[in-house]
Structures are given as structure tokens and as C-alpha cells.
N, C-alpha and C. Protein backbone atom coordinates (compact mmCIF):
# COMPACT_ATOMS: atom_id res chain seq x y z
N MET A 1 -16.90 -8.42 -10.86
CA MET A 1 -15.44 -8.22 -10.75
C MET A 1 -14.98 -7.14 -11.72
N THR A 2 -13.98 -6.41 -11.24
CA THR A 2 -13.52 -5.28 -11.96
C THR A 2 -12.65 -5.60 -13.26
N GLU A 3 -12.71 -4.89 -14.30
CA GLU A 3 -11.95 -5.21 -15.41
C GLU A 3 -10.70 -4.58 -15.47
N GLN A 4 -10.46 -3.37 -14.72
CA GLN A 4 -9.25 -2.72 -14.84
C GLN A 4 -8.38 -3.15 -13.67
N THR A 5 -7.05 -3.14 -13.98
CA THR A 5 -6.10 -3.62 -12.95
C THR A 5 -5.89 -2.39 -11.92
N ILE A 6 -6.03 -2.88 -10.66
CA ILE A 6 -5.82 -1.88 -9.53
C ILE A 6 -4.34 -1.73 -9.17
N ALA A 7 -3.93 -0.58 -8.95
CA ALA A 7 -2.49 -0.21 -8.66
C ALA A 7 -2.35 0.09 -7.24
N ILE A 8 -1.69 -0.96 -6.44
CA ILE A 8 -1.46 -0.61 -4.97
C ILE A 8 0.04 -0.37 -4.86
N GLU A 9 0.37 0.74 -4.11
CA GLU A 9 1.71 1.05 -3.92
C GLU A 9 1.95 1.15 -2.45
N ILE A 10 3.04 0.59 -1.90
CA ILE A 10 3.48 0.77 -0.53
C ILE A 10 4.83 1.44 -0.56
N TYR A 11 4.88 2.63 0.13
CA TYR A 11 6.22 3.39 0.25
C TYR A 11 6.71 3.15 1.62
N GLY A 12 8.00 2.70 1.68
CA GLY A 12 8.47 2.69 3.13
C GLY A 12 9.93 2.49 3.04
N ALA A 13 10.57 2.17 4.03
CA ALA A 13 11.99 2.03 4.31
C ALA A 13 12.34 0.92 5.14
N SER A 14 13.63 0.56 5.05
CA SER A 14 14.04 -0.64 5.99
C SER A 14 14.04 -0.27 7.37
N VAL A 15 14.34 0.99 7.71
CA VAL A 15 14.41 1.54 9.05
C VAL A 15 12.89 1.80 9.44
N MET A 16 12.55 1.36 10.76
CA MET A 16 11.16 1.41 11.28
C MET A 16 10.82 3.00 11.42
N CYS A 17 9.62 3.38 11.18
CA CYS A 17 9.09 4.64 11.34
C CYS A 17 9.18 4.91 12.87
N ALA A 18 9.71 6.00 13.18
CA ALA A 18 9.84 6.44 14.59
C ALA A 18 8.59 6.52 15.33
N SER A 19 7.51 6.96 14.67
CA SER A 19 6.27 7.07 15.35
C SER A 19 5.40 5.87 15.28
N CYS A 20 5.92 4.77 14.75
CA CYS A 20 5.14 3.46 14.45
C CYS A 20 5.71 2.35 15.32
N VAL A 21 5.83 2.67 16.63
CA VAL A 21 6.33 1.62 17.56
C VAL A 21 5.37 0.46 17.59
N ASN A 22 5.89 -0.82 17.60
CA ASN A 22 5.19 -2.09 17.56
C ASN A 22 4.38 -2.35 16.21
N ALA A 23 4.57 -1.50 15.25
CA ALA A 23 3.89 -1.73 13.94
C ALA A 23 4.84 -2.58 13.11
N PRO A 24 4.30 -3.35 12.18
CA PRO A 24 5.19 -4.18 11.32
C PRO A 24 6.06 -3.18 10.38
N SER A 25 7.09 -3.71 9.90
CA SER A 25 7.98 -3.01 9.01
C SER A 25 7.20 -2.69 7.71
N SER A 26 7.75 -1.68 6.94
CA SER A 26 7.08 -1.44 5.63
C SER A 26 7.03 -2.70 4.69
N LYS A 27 8.20 -3.41 4.66
CA LYS A 27 8.23 -4.59 3.81
C LYS A 27 7.29 -5.66 4.24
N ASP A 28 7.11 -5.89 5.64
CA ASP A 28 6.20 -6.76 6.30
C ASP A 28 4.83 -6.40 5.88
N THR A 29 4.49 -5.06 5.98
CA THR A 29 3.19 -4.57 5.56
C THR A 29 2.91 -4.95 4.19
N TYR A 30 3.79 -4.73 3.28
CA TYR A 30 3.58 -5.03 1.89
C TYR A 30 3.27 -6.63 1.73
N GLU A 31 3.99 -7.44 2.32
CA GLU A 31 3.73 -8.91 2.10
C GLU A 31 2.50 -9.38 2.83
N TRP A 32 2.19 -8.74 4.01
CA TRP A 32 0.98 -9.01 4.68
C TRP A 32 -0.28 -8.50 3.91
N LEU A 33 -0.20 -7.31 3.25
CA LEU A 33 -1.36 -6.82 2.45
C LEU A 33 -1.56 -7.74 1.21
N GLN A 34 -0.48 -8.04 0.58
CA GLN A 34 -0.51 -8.87 -0.62
C GLN A 34 -1.27 -10.25 -0.21
N ALA A 35 -0.87 -10.98 0.83
CA ALA A 35 -1.50 -12.22 1.24
C ALA A 35 -2.97 -11.93 1.57
N ALA A 36 -3.27 -10.87 2.38
CA ALA A 36 -4.81 -10.66 2.81
C ALA A 36 -5.56 -10.49 1.47
N ILE A 37 -5.08 -9.72 0.61
CA ILE A 37 -5.85 -9.36 -0.67
C ILE A 37 -6.00 -10.63 -1.49
N ASP A 38 -4.92 -11.53 -1.53
CA ASP A 38 -5.09 -12.60 -2.36
C ASP A 38 -6.04 -13.63 -1.74
N ARG A 39 -6.15 -13.64 -0.25
CA ARG A 39 -7.02 -14.46 0.29
C ARG A 39 -8.60 -14.07 0.14
N LYS A 40 -8.68 -12.80 0.22
CA LYS A 40 -10.04 -12.25 0.24
C LYS A 40 -10.61 -12.01 -1.14
N TYR A 41 -9.76 -11.76 -2.07
CA TYR A 41 -10.13 -11.47 -3.50
C TYR A 41 -9.34 -12.34 -4.41
N PRO A 42 -9.61 -13.63 -4.42
CA PRO A 42 -8.70 -14.51 -5.24
C PRO A 42 -9.05 -14.24 -6.74
N GLU A 43 -7.90 -14.31 -7.49
CA GLU A 43 -8.18 -14.20 -9.05
C GLU A 43 -8.70 -12.92 -9.49
N GLN A 44 -8.66 -11.86 -8.64
CA GLN A 44 -8.91 -10.54 -9.14
C GLN A 44 -7.75 -9.69 -9.43
N PRO A 45 -7.63 -9.00 -10.60
CA PRO A 45 -6.42 -8.48 -10.97
C PRO A 45 -6.02 -7.19 -10.24
N TYR A 46 -4.90 -7.18 -9.71
CA TYR A 46 -4.33 -5.97 -9.10
C TYR A 46 -2.74 -6.15 -9.18
N GLN A 47 -2.18 -4.93 -9.15
CA GLN A 47 -0.66 -4.85 -9.05
C GLN A 47 -0.20 -4.22 -7.85
N ILE A 48 0.60 -4.89 -7.12
CA ILE A 48 1.11 -4.32 -5.84
C ILE A 48 2.60 -4.14 -5.88
N THR A 49 3.07 -2.94 -5.44
CA THR A 49 4.45 -2.61 -5.66
C THR A 49 5.05 -2.01 -4.40
N TYR A 50 6.07 -2.40 -3.97
CA TYR A 50 6.83 -1.88 -2.80
C TYR A 50 7.89 -0.89 -3.33
N ILE A 51 7.84 0.33 -2.84
CA ILE A 51 8.79 1.33 -3.27
C ILE A 51 9.67 1.77 -2.10
N ASP A 52 10.95 1.46 -2.02
CA ASP A 52 11.82 1.76 -0.96
C ASP A 52 12.25 3.24 -1.17
N ILE A 53 11.84 4.12 -0.18
CA ILE A 53 12.00 5.58 -0.28
C ILE A 53 13.58 5.85 -0.07
N GLU A 54 14.40 4.89 0.41
CA GLU A 54 15.73 5.19 0.65
C GLU A 54 16.59 4.89 -0.67
N ASN A 55 16.08 4.34 -1.71
CA ASN A 55 16.77 4.00 -3.00
C ASN A 55 16.39 4.94 -3.92
N PRO A 56 17.12 5.19 -5.02
CA PRO A 56 16.79 6.05 -6.24
C PRO A 56 15.53 5.49 -6.89
N ILE A 57 14.67 6.48 -7.23
CA ILE A 57 13.30 6.20 -7.86
C ILE A 57 13.39 6.90 -9.14
N GLU A 58 13.22 6.14 -10.34
CA GLU A 58 13.29 6.70 -11.58
C GLU A 58 12.04 7.31 -11.97
N ASP A 59 10.87 6.66 -11.55
CA ASP A 59 9.48 7.19 -11.90
C ASP A 59 9.28 8.52 -11.19
N GLU A 60 8.94 9.62 -11.94
CA GLU A 60 8.89 10.98 -11.23
C GLU A 60 7.63 11.06 -10.23
N ARG A 61 6.52 10.38 -10.75
CA ARG A 61 5.42 10.55 -9.77
C ARG A 61 5.65 9.75 -8.45
N ARG A 62 6.34 8.53 -8.53
CA ARG A 62 6.66 7.83 -7.30
C ARG A 62 7.71 8.50 -6.53
N ASN A 63 8.70 9.17 -7.21
CA ASN A 63 9.77 9.85 -6.45
C ASN A 63 9.12 11.02 -5.71
N GLN A 64 8.08 11.79 -6.33
CA GLN A 64 7.42 12.81 -5.58
C GLN A 64 6.79 12.33 -4.31
N TRP A 65 6.05 11.16 -4.31
CA TRP A 65 5.54 10.60 -3.17
C TRP A 65 6.52 10.19 -2.19
N ALA A 66 7.62 9.62 -2.59
CA ALA A 66 8.74 9.24 -1.72
C ALA A 66 9.28 10.39 -0.98
N GLU A 67 9.51 11.48 -1.84
CA GLU A 67 10.12 12.70 -1.12
C GLU A 67 9.14 13.28 -0.11
N ARG A 68 7.93 13.19 -0.40
CA ARG A 68 6.90 13.78 0.63
C ARG A 68 6.98 12.93 2.01
N VAL A 69 7.15 11.61 1.84
CA VAL A 69 7.38 10.66 2.98
C VAL A 69 8.62 11.09 3.67
N LYS A 70 9.69 11.23 2.88
CA LYS A 70 10.98 11.55 3.53
C LYS A 70 11.02 12.93 4.26
N ASP A 71 10.18 13.85 3.72
CA ASP A 71 9.98 15.17 4.29
C ASP A 71 9.09 15.18 5.55
N ASP A 72 8.67 14.01 6.01
CA ASP A 72 7.78 13.76 7.10
C ASP A 72 6.35 14.31 6.94
N GLU A 73 6.00 14.34 5.61
CA GLU A 73 4.50 14.85 5.39
C GLU A 73 3.60 13.64 5.61
N PHE A 74 4.10 12.38 5.50
CA PHE A 74 3.43 11.16 5.79
C PHE A 74 4.21 10.24 6.61
N PHE A 75 3.53 9.36 7.33
CA PHE A 75 4.31 8.35 8.14
C PHE A 75 4.42 7.17 7.08
N TYR A 76 5.42 6.31 7.29
CA TYR A 76 5.55 5.11 6.46
C TYR A 76 5.28 3.90 7.22
N PRO A 77 4.81 2.88 6.58
CA PRO A 77 4.42 2.76 5.28
C PRO A 77 3.24 3.52 4.72
N LEU A 78 3.32 4.15 3.72
CA LEU A 78 2.18 4.87 3.00
C LEU A 78 1.62 3.98 2.01
N VAL A 79 0.29 3.81 2.01
CA VAL A 79 -0.34 2.82 1.10
C VAL A 79 -1.25 3.75 0.17
N LEU A 80 -1.02 3.60 -1.05
CA LEU A 80 -1.80 4.22 -2.15
C LEU A 80 -2.63 3.24 -2.98
N ILE A 81 -3.73 3.42 -3.27
CA ILE A 81 -4.49 2.58 -4.26
C ILE A 81 -4.90 3.55 -5.41
N ASN A 82 -4.50 3.22 -6.54
CA ASN A 82 -4.74 4.12 -7.75
C ASN A 82 -4.44 5.64 -7.46
N ASN A 83 -3.24 5.72 -6.82
CA ASN A 83 -2.64 7.14 -6.42
C ASN A 83 -3.56 7.83 -5.38
N GLU A 84 -4.44 7.14 -4.66
CA GLU A 84 -5.18 7.82 -3.51
C GLU A 84 -4.64 7.07 -2.24
N ILE A 85 -4.49 8.14 -1.30
CA ILE A 85 -3.91 7.57 -0.06
C ILE A 85 -5.05 6.81 0.75
N ILE A 86 -4.65 5.54 1.15
CA ILE A 86 -5.51 4.79 1.96
C ILE A 86 -5.14 4.51 3.34
N GLY A 87 -3.85 4.73 3.66
CA GLY A 87 -3.34 4.62 4.94
C GLY A 87 -1.93 4.96 5.18
N GLU A 88 -1.47 5.33 6.32
CA GLU A 88 -0.09 5.56 6.57
C GLU A 88 0.25 5.18 8.05
N GLY A 89 1.42 4.81 8.23
CA GLY A 89 2.01 4.35 9.55
C GLY A 89 1.48 3.03 9.84
N TYR A 90 0.55 2.83 10.81
CA TYR A 90 -0.11 1.63 11.10
C TYR A 90 -1.28 1.36 10.18
N ILE A 91 -1.07 0.42 9.21
CA ILE A 91 -2.04 0.05 8.22
C ILE A 91 -3.12 -0.85 8.65
N GLN A 92 -4.34 -0.67 8.42
CA GLN A 92 -5.42 -1.62 8.74
C GLN A 92 -6.11 -2.07 7.51
N LEU A 93 -6.63 -3.33 7.54
CA LEU A 93 -7.15 -3.91 6.39
C LEU A 93 -8.52 -3.32 5.95
N LYS A 94 -9.33 -2.89 6.91
CA LYS A 94 -10.73 -2.43 6.58
C LYS A 94 -10.73 -1.22 5.56
N PRO A 95 -9.91 -0.24 5.62
CA PRO A 95 -9.99 0.84 4.57
C PRO A 95 -9.38 0.35 3.30
N VAL A 96 -8.47 -0.55 3.35
CA VAL A 96 -7.92 -1.20 2.09
C VAL A 96 -9.00 -2.00 1.34
N PHE A 97 -9.63 -2.89 2.10
CA PHE A 97 -10.67 -3.59 1.53
C PHE A 97 -11.91 -2.87 1.07
N LYS A 98 -12.26 -1.81 1.74
CA LYS A 98 -13.32 -0.92 1.47
C LYS A 98 -13.07 -0.14 0.12
N GLU A 99 -11.79 0.25 -0.01
CA GLU A 99 -11.46 0.98 -1.41
C GLU A 99 -11.46 -0.13 -2.50
N LEU A 100 -10.93 -1.29 -2.34
CA LEU A 100 -10.90 -2.32 -3.44
C LEU A 100 -12.36 -2.64 -3.67
N GLU A 101 -13.19 -2.75 -2.88
CA GLU A 101 -14.59 -2.98 -3.18
C GLU A 101 -15.34 -2.00 -3.93
N LYS A 102 -14.96 -0.58 -3.45
CA LYS A 102 -15.47 0.44 -4.25
C LYS A 102 -15.09 0.50 -5.67
N LEU A 103 -13.89 -0.05 -5.88
CA LEU A 103 -13.35 -0.08 -7.28
C LEU A 103 -13.81 -1.45 -8.04
N GLY A 104 -14.59 -2.25 -7.39
CA GLY A 104 -15.26 -3.32 -8.10
C GLY A 104 -14.81 -4.74 -7.62
N PHE A 105 -13.93 -4.79 -6.64
CA PHE A 105 -13.49 -6.24 -6.17
C PHE A 105 -14.67 -6.77 -5.44
N GLU A 106 -14.77 -8.02 -5.60
CA GLU A 106 -15.84 -8.85 -5.03
C GLU A 106 -15.17 -9.92 -3.95
N PRO A 107 -15.50 -9.85 -2.71
CA PRO A 107 -14.90 -10.80 -1.73
C PRO A 107 -15.30 -12.08 -1.92
N MET A 108 -14.41 -13.07 -1.68
CA MET A 108 -14.79 -14.49 -1.83
C MET A 108 -15.84 -14.91 -0.85
N ASP A 109 -15.91 -14.31 0.32
CA ASP A 109 -16.82 -14.79 1.38
C ASP A 109 -18.18 -14.11 1.23
N LYS A 110 -18.52 -13.52 0.08
CA LYS A 110 -19.86 -12.85 -0.05
C LYS A 110 -20.95 -13.82 -0.46
């Protein structure tokens, strides 16, 4: 098990991404990811944060990411783990889990 806390950030908006037809909303993706991670990696430390790109963001690094999403550089939801892009638009679990395991997470079903 990893000793460091993993930082997961989901950047999104309440309005659906125009290119993400039939995909869950950004907030739904945040809740879904959190539930999936908790099931597969119970009791392993991580911090997950939803950042609404439509609201003011005080943290400069997060604000820069949000601006890049708003400037259409990325689809949303945009998922970062430890400041690395893991997925955008339609998010899938496999790349998220792969990155978490690379960082030391151990799945419960192992």
C-alpha cells in the first residue's frame, strides 16, 4: 500500500460537454469514480476533488487547468491524478485504476 496521499481532481461544469453525448455529467463522473475507487481500493488514502470550472477558483494551478478546459483545450470532465491527465470527456475506469496501481494502490480483489 502507498504511504503518500494521491490527489485526484475532476474538472467539470454543470452544463454537459457538447462533444460528450450520452456520457455522465462531470459531477456524476466524480461521484462514480469515488465509489469505484473506494470499492476496489478500500482504506487506501486518496483525496478526490471536484472543481467546477464555471465558478471562481482561488488556487492558481487549478485555475490554470480550468481555463484550459474552458478554452476547449480539453473536454470535460477532465481527470487528473497527481497533476497528470488520466482522461477527458468520457472517462473509463481502466486508465484510472492503472495509474493508481502504478502509484502503489493494491486492489482488494488481488
